[in-house]
Protein backbone atom coordinates (compact mmCIF):
# COMPACT_ATOMS: atom_id res chain seq x y z
CA UNK A 1 0.16 0.05 0.12
CA UNK A 2 1.31 3.72 -0.98
CA UNK A 3 2.21 6.07 2.01
CA UNK A 4 -0.52 8.42 -0.09
CA UNK A 5 -3.30 6.00 0.36
CA UNK A 6 -2.63 4.65 3.79
CA UNK A 7 -2.42 8.84 5.10
CA UNK A 8 -5.48 9.15 3.02
CA UNK A 9 -7.27 6.18 4.80
CA UNK A 10 -6.08 7.36 8.33
CA UNK A 11 -7.78 10.72 7.58
CA UNK A 12 -10.89 8.77 6.42
CA UNK A 13 -10.91 10.86 3.23
CA UNK A 14 -12.06 9.36 0.10
CA UNK A 15 -9.73 10.02 -3.07
CA UNK A 16 -12.62 12.64 -4.52
CA UNK A 17 -12.26 14.45 -0.88
CA UNK A 18 -8.46 14.51 -1.06
CA UNK A 19 -8.74 15.74 -4.39
CA UNK A 20 -11.14 18.69 -3.63
CA UNK A 21 -8.95 19.26 -0.64
CA UNK A 22 -5.13 18.98 -2.34
CA UNK A 23 -6.78 20.70 -5.45
CA UNK A 24 -5.37 17.54 -7.52
CA UNK A 25 -7.16 15.42 -10.09
CA UNK A 26 -8.68 11.97 -8.95
CA UNK A 27 -6.45 10.24 -11.78
CA UNK A 28 -3.26 11.51 -10.50
CA UNK A 29 -4.03 10.33 -7.02
CA UNK A 30 -5.36 7.21 -8.21
CA UNK A 31 -1.84 7.02 -10.42
CA UNK A 32 0.11 8.03 -7.14
CA UNK A 33 -1.37 5.40 -5.21
CA UNK A 34 -0.46 2.48 -7.57
CA UNK A 35 2.97 3.17 -7.35
CA UNK A 36 4.20 6.35 -8.93
CA UNK A 37 5.78 9.03 -6.96
CA UNK A 38 4.90 12.71 -6.34
CA UNK A 39 7.03 15.41 -7.44
CA UNK A 40 7.45 18.81 -7.29
CA UNK A 41 3.94 21.27 -6.22
CA UNK A 42 1.71 17.98 -6.49
CA UNK A 43 3.88 16.75 -3.32
CA UNK A 44 3.57 19.92 -1.63
CA UNK A 45 0.23 19.92 -2.20
CA UNK A 46 -0.74 16.55 -1.00
CA UNK A 47 1.46 17.03 2.02
CA UNK A 48 -0.23 20.11 2.85
CA UNK A 49 -3.64 18.82 2.03
CA UNK A 50 -2.72 15.75 4.57
CA UNK A 51 -1.09 17.78 7.14
CA UNK A 52 2.42 15.57 6.89
CA UNK A 53 5.54 16.29 6.05
CA UNK A 54 6.36 15.91 2.13
CA UNK A 55 9.38 13.42 2.75
CA UNK A 56 6.31 11.25 4.38
CA UNK A 57 5.19 10.56 1.40
CA UNK A 58 8.72 9.75 -0.43
CA UNK A 59 9.64 7.25 2.02
CA UNK A 60 10.09 3.72 0.56
CA UNK A 61 6.93 1.61 1.14
CA UNK A 62 7.37 -0.93 4.06
CA UNK A 63 9.68 -3.83 3.18
CA UNK A 64 8.95 -6.60 1.20
CA UNK A 65 7.21 -9.73 3.36
CA UNK A 66 8.01 -12.71 2.50
CA UNK A 67 5.55 -13.77 -0.14
CA UNK A 68 7.16 -10.95 -2.69
CA UNK A 69 10.37 -12.46 -2.09
CA UNK A 70 8.80 -16.39 -3.01
CA UNK A 71 6.82 -14.63 -6.15
CA UNK A 72 10.52 -12.80 -6.81
CA UNK A 73 11.96 -16.24 -6.88
CA UNK A 74 9.66 -18.09 -8.83
CA UNK A 75 10.25 -15.74 -12.21
CA UNK A 76 13.42 -16.01 -11.65
CA UNK A 77 13.44 -19.89 -11.30
CA UNK A 78 10.56 -19.65 -14.47
CA UNK A 79 13.19 -19.21 -16.51
CA UNK A 80 15.06 -22.65 -15.68
CA UNK A 81 12.88 -24.94 -17.88
CA UNK A 82 13.18 -22.77 -21.01
CA UNK A 83 17.00 -22.54 -21.01
CA UNK A 84 17.13 -24.70 -24.04
CA UNK A 85 14.33 -22.18 -25.96
CA UNK A 86 15.62 -19.39 -26.81
CA UNK A 87 13.48 -16.06 -25.88
CA UNK A 88 10.93 -18.31 -24.03
CA UNK A 89 13.27 -18.11 -20.40
CA UNK A 90 12.16 -14.14 -21.51
CA UNK A 91 8.85 -15.06 -21.93
CA UNK A 92 7.77 -16.63 -19.26
CA UNK A 93 9.21 -14.68 -16.48
CA UNK A 94 7.72 -11.75 -18.20
CA UNK A 95 3.95 -13.09 -18.30
CA UNK A 96 4.58 -13.84 -14.54
CA UNK A 97 5.67 -10.35 -13.51
CA UNK A 98 2.34 -8.59 -15.69
CA UNK A 99 0.31 -11.45 -14.16
CA UNK A 100 0.92 -10.95 -10.28
CA UNK A 101 1.96 -6.99 -11.48
CA UNK A 102 5.49 -7.64 -9.62
CA UNK A 103 7.10 -4.53 -11.51
CA UNK A 104 10.44 -3.92 -9.20
CA UNK A 105 14.17 -3.32 -9.86
CA UNK A 106 14.67 -6.89 -8.72
CA UNK A 107 12.45 -8.45 -11.52
CA UNK A 108 13.28 -6.09 -13.85
CA UNK A 109 16.91 -7.38 -13.67
CA UNK A 110 15.80 -10.73 -13.77
CA UNK A 111 14.80 -10.71 -17.11
CA UNK A 112 17.28 -8.15 -18.29
CA UNK A 113 19.80 -10.45 -17.21
CA UNK A 114 18.40 -13.54 -19.11
CA UNK A 115 17.69 -10.41 -22.09
CA UNK A 116 21.47 -10.14 -21.89
CA UNK A 117 22.47 -13.44 -21.62
CA UNK A 118 20.67 -14.44 -24.81
CA UNK A 119 22.30 -11.72 -26.36
CA UNK A 120 25.48 -13.21 -25.51
CA UNK A 121 24.85 -16.78 -26.23
CA UNK A 122 23.85 -16.17 -30.11
CA UNK A 123 27.24 -14.31 -30.48
CA UNK A 124 28.98 -16.78 -28.77
CA UNK A 125 27.18 -19.50 -30.53
CA UNK A 126 28.34 -17.62 -33.96
CA UNK A 127 31.69 -16.98 -33.01
CA UNK A 128 31.75 -20.84 -32.46
CA UNK A 129 30.30 -21.86 -35.68
CA UNK A 130 33.09 -19.53 -37.73
CA UNK A 131 35.66 -21.12 -35.15
CA UNK A 132 34.40 -24.57 -36.31
CA UNK A 133 35.27 -24.22 -39.79
CA UNK A 134 38.45 -21.56 -39.61
CA UNK A 135 40.49 -23.86 -37.20
CA UNK A 136 38.72 -27.62 -38.78
CA UNK A 137 36.99 -28.33 -35.39
CA UNK A 138 34.59 -31.18 -35.37
CA UNK A 139 31.29 -31.29 -34.21
CA UNK A 140 31.14 -31.72 -31.04
CA UNK A 141 32.85 -28.47 -30.91
CA UNK A 142 29.42 -27.04 -31.26
CA UNK A 143 27.75 -29.31 -29.03
CA UNK A 144 30.21 -28.77 -26.28
CA UNK A 145 29.47 -24.77 -26.51
CA UNK A 146 25.72 -25.42 -26.63
CA UNK A 147 25.99 -27.25 -23.29
CA UNK A 148 28.05 -24.93 -21.43
CA UNK A 149 26.08 -22.00 -22.63
CA UNK A 150 23.01 -23.83 -21.12
CA UNK A 151 25.05 -24.46 -17.99
CA UNK A 152 25.97 -20.91 -17.57
CA UNK A 153 22.29 -20.04 -17.51
CA UNK A 154 21.33 -22.36 -15.25
CA UNK A 155 23.76 -21.79 -12.65
CA UNK A 156 23.37 -17.90 -13.28
CA UNK A 157 19.23 -18.21 -12.01
CA UNK A 158 20.13 -20.72 -9.45
CA UNK A 159 23.18 -18.50 -7.54
CA UNK A 160 20.35 -16.25 -8.19
CA UNK A 161 17.85 -17.95 -6.78
CA UNK A 162 20.02 -18.78 -3.49
CA UNK A 163 20.75 -15.13 -2.89
CA UNK A 164 17.23 -14.09 -2.86
CA UNK A 165 16.77 -16.64 -0.63
CA UNK A 166 19.75 -15.71 1.84
CA UNK A 167 20.00 -11.50 1.06
CA UNK A 168 16.88 -10.77 -0.68
CA UNK A 169 19.01 -9.42 -3.43
CA UNK A 170 20.41 -10.55 -6.34
CA UNK A 171 23.93 -12.28 -6.67
CA UNK A 172 24.64 -11.61 -10.58
CA UNK A 173 23.11 -8.23 -11.64
CA UNK A 174 23.83 -5.99 -14.08
CA UNK A 175 24.26 -1.70 -13.50
CA UNK A 176 21.31 -1.17 -16.31
CA UNK A 177 17.84 -2.40 -16.79
CA UNK A 178 17.32 -3.39 -20.37
CA UNK A 179 13.37 -3.28 -19.58
């Protein structure tokens, strides 16, 4: 639950009443209560209408419950059965994210890692195909590369699942997000 909604309900105000009191549209209040952060004049008007300090609306919503981490772990592990099927290891976690409405940096990072791994794997696979021709390597070389790529993804997924269990964060993470 958002800080705005908690404070609004504490004062027994409806969204409509808060809209009139703060002179902010109901739609803006709905967006903020669904997860958008208020900024600038909107933040100031809402804080004044609720009789609180501005930073009380910006504080992070209460820490994640164990249930959230269970869903995040499921999202991470949902890539596992599809490590052999390219794109499915990205699509399945995305479907779960949208179904469970788990749009947070951790879940975005999980999908970004899978996208990065897929791009990296395609490049390595193409390079190994050329290397096979250039260096007259046998057909087993391509098979070994494919197995190593799949095993590397399995390791990444399992290691991140373990870290989510222990510390509530990812072991392998990127400094950027692709989604």
